[in-house]
N, C-alpha and C. Protein backbone atom coordinates (compact mmCIF):
# COMPACT_ATOMS: atom_id res chain seq x y z
N UNK A 1 52.45 106.93 63.49
CA UNK A 1 53.77 107.03 64.11
C UNK A 1 54.33 108.44 64.03
N UNK A 2 54.23 109.07 62.86
CA UNK A 2 54.73 110.44 62.69
C UNK A 2 53.96 111.40 63.58
N UNK A 3 52.66 111.16 63.75
CA UNK A 3 51.85 112.02 64.60
C UNK A 3 52.32 111.92 66.05
N UNK A 4 52.68 110.72 66.52
CA UNK A 4 53.19 110.55 67.88
C UNK A 4 54.50 111.31 68.07
N UNK A 5 55.37 111.25 67.07
CA UNK A 5 56.65 111.97 67.16
C UNK A 5 56.43 113.48 67.19
N UNK A 6 55.48 113.96 66.41
CA UNK A 6 55.16 115.39 66.42
C UNK A 6 54.62 115.81 67.79
N UNK A 7 53.74 115.00 68.37
CA UNK A 7 53.20 115.29 69.70
C UNK A 7 54.32 115.33 70.74
N UNK A 8 55.28 114.41 70.64
CA UNK A 8 56.40 114.40 71.58
C UNK A 8 57.27 115.64 71.41
N UNK A 9 57.51 116.06 70.16
CA UNK A 9 58.29 117.27 69.93
C UNK A 9 57.60 118.50 70.50
N UNK A 10 56.30 118.59 70.32
CA UNK A 10 55.54 119.71 70.88
C UNK A 10 55.59 119.69 72.41
N UNK A 11 55.47 118.50 72.99
CA UNK A 11 55.55 118.37 74.44
C UNK A 11 56.94 118.76 74.95
N UNK A 12 57.98 118.33 74.25
CA UNK A 12 59.34 118.70 74.65
C UNK A 12 59.53 120.22 74.61
N UNK A 13 58.99 120.88 73.60
CA UNK A 13 59.10 122.33 73.51
C UNK A 13 58.36 123.00 74.67
N UNK A 14 57.17 122.50 75.00
CA UNK A 14 56.41 123.08 76.11
C UNK A 14 57.17 122.89 77.42
N UNK A 15 57.75 121.71 77.63
CA UNK A 15 58.53 121.44 78.83
C UNK A 15 59.74 122.38 78.90
N UNK A 16 60.43 122.57 77.79
CA UNK A 16 61.59 123.47 77.76
C UNK A 16 61.18 124.89 78.12
N UNK A 17 60.03 125.33 77.63
CA UNK A 17 59.57 126.69 77.93
C UNK A 17 59.22 126.85 79.41
N UNK A 18 58.73 125.80 80.05
CA UNK A 18 58.48 125.85 81.49
C UNK A 18 59.81 126.06 82.22
N UNK A 19 60.84 125.34 81.80
CA UNK A 19 62.16 125.46 82.42
C UNK A 19 62.72 126.87 82.20
N UNK A 20 62.55 127.42 81.01
CA UNK A 20 63.03 128.77 80.74
C UNK A 20 62.25 129.82 81.54
N UNK A 21 60.93 129.61 81.70
CA UNK A 21 60.14 130.53 82.52
C UNK A 21 60.59 130.49 83.98
N UNK A 22 60.99 129.31 84.44
CA UNK A 22 61.53 129.20 85.80
C UNK A 22 62.74 130.13 85.95
N UNK A 23 63.68 130.08 85.00
CA UNK A 23 64.88 130.93 85.08
C UNK A 23 64.49 132.41 85.07
N UNK A 24 63.58 132.78 84.19
CA UNK A 24 63.15 134.18 84.15
C UNK A 24 62.52 134.58 85.48
N UNK A 25 61.66 133.73 86.01
CA UNK A 25 60.96 134.04 87.26
C UNK A 25 61.94 134.21 88.42
N UNK A 26 62.92 133.32 88.51
CA UNK A 26 63.91 133.41 89.59
C UNK A 26 64.73 134.70 89.45
N UNK A 27 65.24 134.98 88.27
CA UNK A 27 66.11 136.14 88.08
C UNK A 27 65.36 137.47 88.16
N UNK A 28 64.09 137.48 87.82
CA UNK A 28 63.29 138.71 87.91
C UNK A 28 62.54 138.78 89.24
N UNK A 29 62.67 137.73 90.06
CA UNK A 29 61.98 137.63 91.35
C UNK A 29 60.48 137.87 91.17
N UNK A 30 59.92 137.12 90.25
CA UNK A 30 58.51 137.26 89.88
C UNK A 30 57.71 136.11 90.51
N UNK A 31 57.05 136.40 91.61
CA UNK A 31 56.31 135.39 92.38
C UNK A 31 55.28 134.65 91.52
N UNK A 32 54.43 135.40 90.83
CA UNK A 32 53.35 134.77 90.04
C UNK A 32 53.92 133.89 88.93
N UNK A 33 54.93 134.36 88.23
CA UNK A 33 55.53 133.58 87.15
C UNK A 33 56.19 132.31 87.71
N UNK A 34 56.86 132.44 88.84
CA UNK A 34 57.52 131.28 89.44
C UNK A 34 56.48 130.23 89.85
N UNK A 35 55.39 130.67 90.43
CA UNK A 35 54.34 129.72 90.83
C UNK A 35 53.71 129.03 89.62
N UNK A 36 53.73 129.69 88.47
CA UNK A 36 53.05 129.16 87.28
C UNK A 36 53.74 127.94 86.68
N UNK A 37 54.98 127.63 87.08
CA UNK A 37 55.69 126.49 86.48
C UNK A 37 55.44 125.18 87.24
N UNK A 38 54.73 125.27 88.37
CA UNK A 38 54.48 124.09 89.21
C UNK A 38 52.99 123.75 89.21
N UNK A 39 52.68 122.46 89.12
CA UNK A 39 51.30 122.01 89.32
C UNK A 39 50.98 122.08 90.82
N UNK A 40 49.71 122.28 91.18
CA UNK A 40 49.33 122.22 92.60
C UNK A 40 49.77 120.89 93.21
N UNK A 41 50.25 120.96 94.44
CA UNK A 41 50.72 119.77 95.13
C UNK A 41 52.14 119.36 94.80
N UNK A 42 52.85 120.15 93.98
CA UNK A 42 54.21 119.80 93.61
C UNK A 42 55.15 119.92 94.81
N UNK A 43 56.27 119.19 94.74
CA UNK A 43 57.24 119.19 95.83
C UNK A 43 58.62 119.56 95.31
N UNK A 44 59.49 119.92 96.26
CA UNK A 44 60.79 120.47 95.92
C UNK A 44 61.86 119.93 96.87
N UNK A 45 63.05 119.72 96.35
CA UNK A 45 64.20 119.37 97.18
C UNK A 45 65.44 119.98 96.53
N UNK A 46 65.71 121.24 96.90
CA UNK A 46 66.86 121.96 96.35
C UNK A 46 67.14 123.14 97.28
N UNK A 47 68.07 122.97 98.19
CA UNK A 47 68.36 123.93 99.26
C UNK A 47 67.15 124.11 100.18
N UNK A 48 66.07 123.44 99.90
CA UNK A 48 64.81 123.52 100.63
C UNK A 48 64.07 122.22 100.34
N UNK A 49 63.33 121.72 101.32
CA UNK A 49 62.54 120.51 101.09
C UNK A 49 61.11 120.75 101.55
N UNK A 50 60.17 120.57 100.65
CA UNK A 50 58.76 120.77 100.98
C UNK A 50 57.96 121.08 99.74
N UNK A 51 56.80 121.74 99.91
CA UNK A 51 55.96 122.07 98.76
C UNK A 51 56.65 123.10 97.86
N UNK A 52 56.47 122.95 96.55
CA UNK A 52 57.06 123.92 95.61
C UNK A 52 56.30 125.23 95.64
N UNK A 53 54.99 125.13 95.49
CA UNK A 53 54.17 126.33 95.39
C UNK A 53 52.84 126.10 96.09
N UNK A 54 52.74 126.60 97.31
CA UNK A 54 51.51 126.51 98.07
C UNK A 54 51.33 127.84 98.80
N UNK A 55 50.71 128.83 98.12
CA UNK A 55 50.59 130.16 98.71
C UNK A 55 49.87 130.16 100.05
N UNK A 56 49.06 129.13 100.33
CA UNK A 56 48.31 129.07 101.59
C UNK A 56 49.12 128.45 102.73
N UNK A 57 50.30 127.89 102.42
CA UNK A 57 51.11 127.25 103.47
C UNK A 57 51.54 128.29 104.49
N UNK A 58 51.37 127.97 105.80
CA UNK A 58 51.81 128.92 106.83
C UNK A 58 53.30 129.16 106.73
N UNK A 59 53.71 130.39 106.99
CA UNK A 59 55.14 130.69 106.88
C UNK A 59 55.59 131.56 108.05
N UNK A 60 56.88 131.48 108.30
CA UNK A 60 57.55 132.29 109.32
C UNK A 60 58.99 132.45 108.84
N UNK A 61 59.78 133.27 109.50
CA UNK A 61 61.19 133.39 109.08
C UNK A 61 61.93 132.05 109.12
N UNK A 62 61.55 131.17 110.04
CA UNK A 62 62.22 129.87 110.14
C UNK A 62 61.63 128.86 109.16
N UNK A 63 60.34 128.97 108.86
CA UNK A 63 59.64 128.07 107.94
C UNK A 63 58.99 128.90 106.84
N UNK A 64 59.59 128.93 105.65
CA UNK A 64 59.08 129.81 104.59
C UNK A 64 57.72 129.40 104.02
N UNK A 65 57.26 128.19 104.28
CA UNK A 65 55.97 127.76 103.77
C UNK A 65 56.05 126.98 102.48
N UNK A 66 56.75 127.51 101.49
CA UNK A 66 56.93 126.81 100.22
C UNK A 66 58.22 127.26 99.56
N UNK A 67 58.62 126.53 98.51
CA UNK A 67 59.88 126.85 97.83
C UNK A 67 59.86 128.26 97.26
N UNK A 68 58.76 128.70 96.69
CA UNK A 68 58.71 130.03 96.07
C UNK A 68 59.07 131.09 97.10
N UNK A 69 58.45 131.06 98.28
CA UNK A 69 58.77 132.05 99.32
C UNK A 69 60.21 131.91 99.78
N UNK A 70 60.66 130.65 99.95
CA UNK A 70 62.04 130.41 100.36
C UNK A 70 63.01 131.02 99.35
N UNK A 71 62.82 130.70 98.07
CA UNK A 71 63.74 131.15 97.02
C UNK A 71 63.75 132.67 96.91
N UNK A 72 62.58 133.28 96.87
CA UNK A 72 62.52 134.74 96.72
C UNK A 72 63.09 135.44 97.95
N UNK A 73 62.90 134.84 99.14
CA UNK A 73 63.52 135.40 100.34
C UNK A 73 65.03 135.31 100.29
N UNK A 74 65.54 134.15 99.90
CA UNK A 74 66.99 133.97 99.79
C UNK A 74 67.58 134.92 98.75
N UNK A 75 66.90 135.05 97.63
CA UNK A 75 67.44 135.88 96.55
C UNK A 75 67.51 137.36 96.89
N UNK A 76 66.76 137.81 97.89
CA UNK A 76 66.89 139.21 98.30
C UNK A 76 68.25 139.47 98.93
N UNK A 77 68.94 138.40 99.38
CA UNK A 77 70.27 138.59 99.97
C UNK A 77 71.35 138.74 98.90
N UNK A 78 70.95 138.62 97.63
CA UNK A 78 71.84 138.85 96.50
C UNK A 78 71.37 140.11 95.77
N UNK A 79 72.31 140.90 95.27
CA UNK A 79 71.89 142.09 94.52
C UNK A 79 71.66 141.78 93.04
N UNK A 80 72.17 140.66 92.57
CA UNK A 80 71.96 140.23 91.18
C UNK A 80 71.97 138.71 91.14
N UNK A 81 71.17 138.14 90.23
CA UNK A 81 71.25 136.71 89.95
C UNK A 81 71.10 136.52 88.44
N UNK A 82 71.65 135.41 87.96
CA UNK A 82 71.54 135.11 86.53
C UNK A 82 71.65 133.60 86.35
N UNK A 83 70.61 132.99 85.82
CA UNK A 83 70.59 131.54 85.58
C UNK A 83 70.63 131.25 84.09
N UNK A 84 71.48 130.32 83.71
CA UNK A 84 71.54 129.83 82.33
C UNK A 84 71.12 128.38 82.33
N UNK A 85 70.19 128.04 81.46
CA UNK A 85 69.76 126.65 81.33
C UNK A 85 70.49 126.04 80.14
N UNK A 86 70.96 124.82 80.32
CA UNK A 86 71.73 124.16 79.27
C UNK A 86 71.03 122.93 78.74
N UNK A 87 71.80 121.85 78.63
CA UNK A 87 71.28 120.59 78.09
C UNK A 87 69.99 120.20 78.80
N UNK A 88 68.97 119.89 78.03
CA UNK A 88 67.72 119.41 78.58
C UNK A 88 67.36 118.11 77.88
N UNK A 89 67.25 117.05 78.67
CA UNK A 89 66.87 115.74 78.14
C UNK A 89 65.52 115.35 78.72
N UNK A 90 64.59 114.98 77.84
CA UNK A 90 63.24 114.62 78.24
C UNK A 90 63.03 113.14 77.94
N UNK A 91 62.62 112.40 78.97
CA UNK A 91 62.34 110.98 78.83
C UNK A 91 60.87 110.77 79.21
N UNK A 92 60.04 110.48 78.21
CA UNK A 92 58.62 110.28 78.46
C UNK A 92 58.39 108.92 79.10
N UNK A 93 57.70 108.92 80.24
CA UNK A 93 57.32 107.70 80.92
C UNK A 93 56.08 107.13 80.26
N UNK A 94 55.13 108.01 79.96
CA UNK A 94 53.91 107.67 79.24
C UNK A 94 53.38 108.98 78.63
N UNK A 95 52.13 109.00 78.21
CA UNK A 95 51.59 110.18 77.52
C UNK A 95 51.44 111.41 78.42
N UNK A 96 51.48 111.23 79.74
CA UNK A 96 51.26 112.38 80.62
C UNK A 96 52.31 112.53 81.72
N UNK A 97 53.41 111.79 81.62
CA UNK A 97 54.50 111.90 82.60
C UNK A 97 55.84 111.89 81.88
N UNK A 98 56.75 112.74 82.36
CA UNK A 98 58.10 112.78 81.78
C UNK A 98 59.11 113.06 82.87
N UNK A 99 60.26 112.44 82.74
CA UNK A 99 61.41 112.74 83.59
C UNK A 99 62.35 113.62 82.78
N UNK A 100 62.80 114.72 83.40
CA UNK A 100 63.56 115.73 82.67
C UNK A 100 64.81 116.10 83.46
N UNK A 101 65.95 116.13 82.78
CA UNK A 101 67.20 116.59 83.38
C UNK A 101 67.65 117.83 82.62
N UNK A 102 67.91 118.91 83.37
CA UNK A 102 68.37 120.17 82.77
C UNK A 102 69.62 120.64 83.51
N UNK A 103 70.69 120.88 82.78
CA UNK A 103 71.89 121.46 83.36
C UNK A 103 71.67 122.96 83.56
N UNK A 104 72.24 123.51 84.64
CA UNK A 104 72.15 124.95 84.86
C UNK A 104 73.47 125.48 85.38
N UNK A 105 73.70 126.76 85.12
CA UNK A 105 74.78 127.51 85.74
C UNK A 105 74.15 128.78 86.29
N UNK A 106 74.45 129.09 87.54
CA UNK A 106 73.86 130.26 88.18
C UNK A 106 74.94 131.16 88.74
N UNK A 107 74.72 132.46 88.64
CA UNK A 107 75.60 133.47 89.22
C UNK A 107 74.77 134.29 90.21
N UNK A 108 75.36 134.55 91.38
CA UNK A 108 74.71 135.39 92.38
C UNK A 108 75.74 136.40 92.88
N UNK A 109 75.36 137.68 92.93
CA UNK A 109 76.21 138.71 93.52
C UNK A 109 75.74 138.88 94.96
N UNK A 110 76.53 138.35 95.90
CA UNK A 110 76.15 138.30 97.31
C UNK A 110 76.39 139.67 97.95
N UNK A 111 75.35 140.17 98.61
CA UNK A 111 75.46 141.47 99.28
C UNK A 111 76.46 141.38 100.45
N UNK A 112 77.20 142.47 100.72
CA UNK A 112 78.13 142.48 101.84
C UNK A 112 77.39 142.66 103.17
N UNK A 113 78.06 142.35 104.28
CA UNK A 113 77.47 142.49 105.62
C UNK A 113 76.90 143.88 105.87
N UNK A 114 77.51 144.89 105.29
CA UNK A 114 77.07 146.27 105.53
C UNK A 114 75.72 146.59 104.87
N UNK A 115 75.27 145.75 103.97
CA UNK A 115 73.99 145.97 103.27
C UNK A 115 72.86 145.47 104.17
N UNK A 116 71.83 146.28 104.41
CA UNK A 116 70.74 145.84 105.29
C UNK A 116 69.98 144.60 104.78
N UNK A 117 70.10 144.29 103.48
CA UNK A 117 69.44 143.11 102.92
C UNK A 117 70.35 141.88 102.90
N UNK A 118 71.56 142.02 103.43
CA UNK A 118 72.51 140.90 103.43
C UNK A 118 71.98 139.75 104.26
N UNK A 119 72.36 138.55 103.86
CA UNK A 119 71.96 137.35 104.60
C UNK A 119 72.93 137.04 105.72
N UNK A 120 72.58 136.02 106.50
CA UNK A 120 73.39 135.62 107.65
C UNK A 120 74.78 135.14 107.24
N UNK A 121 74.91 134.63 106.01
CA UNK A 121 76.20 134.10 105.55
C UNK A 121 77.03 135.12 104.79
N UNK A 122 76.67 136.40 104.89
CA UNK A 122 77.37 137.45 104.12
C UNK A 122 78.82 137.61 104.59
N UNK A 123 79.63 138.12 103.68
CA UNK A 123 81.03 138.42 103.95
C UNK A 123 81.19 139.93 104.12
N UNK A 124 82.40 140.36 104.46
CA UNK A 124 82.65 141.80 104.62
C UNK A 124 82.47 142.54 103.31
N UNK A 125 82.79 141.90 102.20
CA UNK A 125 82.71 142.52 100.88
C UNK A 125 81.73 141.75 99.99
N UNK A 126 81.33 142.38 98.88
CA UNK A 126 80.52 141.67 97.88
C UNK A 126 81.28 140.44 97.41
N UNK A 127 80.54 139.38 97.13
CA UNK A 127 81.16 138.14 96.66
C UNK A 127 80.42 137.64 95.42
N UNK A 128 81.17 137.03 94.51
CA UNK A 128 80.59 136.36 93.35
C UNK A 128 80.41 134.89 93.72
N UNK A 129 79.18 134.42 93.60
CA UNK A 129 78.85 133.03 93.96
C UNK A 129 78.34 132.34 92.70
N UNK A 130 79.08 131.34 92.26
CA UNK A 130 78.73 130.58 91.05
C UNK A 130 78.34 129.16 91.45
N UNK A 131 77.31 128.63 90.81
CA UNK A 131 76.86 127.27 91.08
C UNK A 131 76.57 126.59 89.75
N UNK A 132 77.01 125.37 89.61
CA UNK A 132 76.67 124.56 88.44
C UNK A 132 75.98 123.29 88.92
N UNK A 133 74.93 122.92 88.23
CA UNK A 133 74.24 121.72 88.65
C UNK A 133 73.20 121.28 87.65
N UNK A 134 72.25 120.49 88.14
CA UNK A 134 71.21 119.95 87.28
C UNK A 134 69.88 119.96 88.03
N UNK A 135 68.82 120.22 87.30
CA UNK A 135 67.47 120.05 87.83
C UNK A 135 66.97 118.69 87.33
N UNK A 136 66.58 117.85 88.26
CA UNK A 136 65.97 116.56 87.93
C UNK A 136 64.48 116.73 88.22
N UNK A 137 63.69 116.84 87.17
CA UNK A 137 62.27 117.16 87.30
C UNK A 137 61.38 116.01 86.87
N UNK A 138 60.28 115.88 87.58
CA UNK A 138 59.19 115.03 87.13
C UNK A 138 58.11 115.98 86.64
N UNK A 139 57.77 115.86 85.38
CA UNK A 139 56.72 116.69 84.76
C UNK A 139 55.46 115.86 84.60
N UNK A 140 54.34 116.54 84.64
CA UNK A 140 53.07 115.87 84.42
C UNK A 140 52.20 116.77 83.54
N UNK A 141 51.44 116.11 82.67
CA UNK A 141 50.47 116.80 81.82
C UNK A 141 49.12 116.76 82.53
N UNK A 142 48.64 117.95 82.94
CA UNK A 142 47.32 118.06 83.58
C UNK A 142 46.55 119.18 82.91
N UNK A 143 45.31 118.93 82.61
CA UNK A 143 44.45 119.95 81.99
C UNK A 143 45.13 120.60 80.80
N UNK A 144 45.86 119.80 80.03
CA UNK A 144 46.49 120.28 78.81
C UNK A 144 47.79 121.03 78.99
N UNK A 145 48.34 121.07 80.22
CA UNK A 145 49.57 121.83 80.46
C UNK A 145 50.63 120.95 81.14
N UNK A 146 51.84 120.96 80.58
CA UNK A 146 52.97 120.30 81.21
C UNK A 146 53.56 121.24 82.25
N UNK A 147 53.70 120.74 83.50
CA UNK A 147 54.33 121.51 84.57
C UNK A 147 55.08 120.56 85.49
N UNK A 148 55.89 121.13 86.35
CA UNK A 148 56.70 120.35 87.30
C UNK A 148 55.83 119.86 88.45
N UNK A 149 55.98 118.56 88.78
CA UNK A 149 55.31 118.02 89.97
C UNK A 149 56.32 117.67 91.06
N UNK A 150 57.57 117.48 90.70
CA UNK A 150 58.63 117.32 91.70
C UNK A 150 59.96 117.75 91.08
N UNK A 151 60.72 118.53 91.85
CA UNK A 151 62.06 118.94 91.42
C UNK A 151 63.07 118.58 92.50
N UNK A 152 64.17 117.96 92.05
CA UNK A 152 65.35 117.78 92.89
C UNK A 152 66.48 118.54 92.23
N UNK A 153 67.09 119.44 92.96
CA UNK A 153 68.23 120.20 92.45
C UNK A 153 69.52 119.52 92.85
N UNK A 154 70.35 119.22 91.88
CA UNK A 154 71.65 118.59 92.12
C UNK A 154 72.73 119.65 91.95
N UNK A 155 73.66 119.74 92.91
CA UNK A 155 74.78 120.67 92.81
C UNK A 155 76.01 119.88 92.39
N UNK A 156 76.56 120.23 91.24
CA UNK A 156 77.75 119.56 90.73
C UNK A 156 79.03 120.30 91.10
N UNK A 157 78.94 121.62 91.25
CA UNK A 157 80.10 122.40 91.68
C UNK A 157 79.62 123.77 92.17
N UNK A 158 80.43 124.40 93.00
CA UNK A 158 80.14 125.75 93.49
C UNK A 158 81.45 126.48 93.72
N UNK A 159 81.39 127.78 93.57
CA UNK A 159 82.60 128.59 93.76
C UNK A 159 82.17 129.95 94.28
N UNK A 160 82.87 130.45 95.27
CA UNK A 160 82.61 131.80 95.79
C UNK A 160 83.94 132.52 95.88
N UNK A 161 83.95 133.77 95.43
CA UNK A 161 85.19 134.55 95.41
C UNK A 161 84.86 136.03 95.49
N UNK A 162 85.83 136.85 95.86
CA UNK A 162 85.57 138.30 95.90
C UNK A 162 85.09 138.80 94.54
N UNK A 163 84.12 139.69 94.57
CA UNK A 163 83.57 140.21 93.33
C UNK A 163 84.60 141.03 92.57
N UNK A 164 84.60 140.87 91.28
CA UNK A 164 85.53 141.65 90.45
C UNK A 164 84.78 142.44 89.39
N UNK A 165 83.51 142.76 89.67
CA UNK A 165 82.71 143.55 88.72
C UNK A 165 83.32 144.93 88.54
N UNK A 166 83.40 145.35 87.30
CA UNK A 166 83.91 146.68 86.99
C UNK A 166 83.12 147.24 85.82
N UNK A 167 82.86 148.53 85.84
CA UNK A 167 82.21 149.19 84.72
C UNK A 167 80.70 149.06 84.70
N UNK A 168 80.12 148.36 85.67
CA UNK A 168 78.67 148.15 85.67
C UNK A 168 77.91 149.46 85.82
N UNK A 169 78.47 150.39 86.57
CA UNK A 169 77.80 151.68 86.79
C UNK A 169 77.77 152.54 85.53
N UNK A 170 78.56 152.20 84.52
CA UNK A 170 78.59 152.97 83.28
C UNK A 170 77.53 152.53 82.27
N UNK A 171 76.82 151.44 82.57
CA UNK A 171 75.78 150.93 81.66
C UNK A 171 74.51 151.76 81.84
N UNK A 172 73.87 152.18 80.74
CA UNK A 172 72.64 152.97 80.88
C UNK A 172 71.60 152.22 81.71
N UNK A 173 70.98 152.90 82.67
CA UNK A 173 70.04 152.28 83.61
C UNK A 173 68.93 151.53 82.89
N UNK A 174 68.43 152.06 81.79
CA UNK A 174 67.31 151.40 81.10
C UNK A 174 67.71 150.08 80.43
N UNK A 175 69.01 149.80 80.36
CA UNK A 175 69.44 148.52 79.79
C UNK A 175 70.02 147.58 80.84
N UNK A 176 69.81 147.90 82.11
CA UNK A 176 70.23 147.04 83.21
C UNK A 176 69.02 146.24 83.68
N UNK A 177 69.20 144.94 83.90
CA UNK A 177 68.11 144.10 84.37
C UNK A 177 67.62 144.52 85.75
N UNK A 178 66.31 144.39 85.95
CA UNK A 178 65.66 144.74 87.22
C UNK A 178 64.73 143.61 87.64
N UNK A 179 64.26 143.67 88.86
CA UNK A 179 63.26 142.72 89.34
C UNK A 179 61.89 143.12 88.80
N UNK A 180 60.99 142.14 88.74
CA UNK A 180 59.61 142.40 88.32
C UNK A 180 58.97 143.33 89.35
N UNK A 181 58.15 144.23 88.95
CA UNK A 181 57.63 144.47 87.60
C UNK A 181 58.41 145.54 86.83
N UNK A 182 59.61 145.92 87.32
CA UNK A 182 60.35 147.03 86.72
C UNK A 182 61.21 146.66 85.54
N UNK A 183 61.41 145.37 85.27
CA UNK A 183 62.25 144.95 84.16
C UNK A 183 61.51 145.14 82.84
N UNK A 184 62.22 145.48 81.80
CA UNK A 184 61.62 145.71 80.48
C UNK A 184 60.78 144.53 80.01
N UNK A 185 61.23 143.30 80.23
CA UNK A 185 60.51 142.14 79.73
C UNK A 185 59.10 142.03 80.31
N UNK A 186 58.91 142.58 81.50
CA UNK A 186 57.59 142.50 82.15
C UNK A 186 56.51 143.26 81.37
N UNK A 187 56.90 144.14 80.47
CA UNK A 187 55.93 144.84 79.62
C UNK A 187 55.37 143.94 78.55
N UNK A 188 56.04 142.81 78.29
CA UNK A 188 55.70 141.97 77.14
C UNK A 188 55.05 140.63 77.50
N UNK A 189 54.95 140.29 78.78
CA UNK A 189 54.35 139.00 79.11
C UNK A 189 53.40 139.15 80.28
N UNK A 190 52.51 138.19 80.38
CA UNK A 190 51.65 138.08 81.57
C UNK A 190 51.55 136.61 81.92
N UNK A 191 51.36 136.34 83.19
CA UNK A 191 51.30 134.95 83.67
C UNK A 191 49.93 134.37 83.33
């Protein structure tokens, strides 16, 4: 019995680390790291519906092919993003399947219309876009690794307002977060 509980604790930790890697991958815009959190054939339903990670899926500006391409394309319309993962509850269905709920809060600094990377929904000025919600994930253990096989993103609240960032330009450049591979953390990990 104690051995089963230890195995479940280890599995919960591995699942939590997959969720944390997802946040790092999204905020650093790291394609390979983002793809690494999904098992082949996984599906997604969160501002996008379709395959989570299928690099071979045909894509176009209207059809991104998979969630990873969709998300990284959308995130280029923001100059900064930051995801915080909160409460994570893991419910094991059996030894190789788990249902997982994770609360998240996300911040996006939306580029203004004047920025060539701005999206179609841009405003005249920079905007702060906050979202709170939950990831409802189905995890599966395959080949010794727990990864996501289906994700549904639930939005519990959202708020957009004029940006009020001040003093950001005074922060030393080497201590400001960057996209992969230029961020400091990228020196310390590999997918």
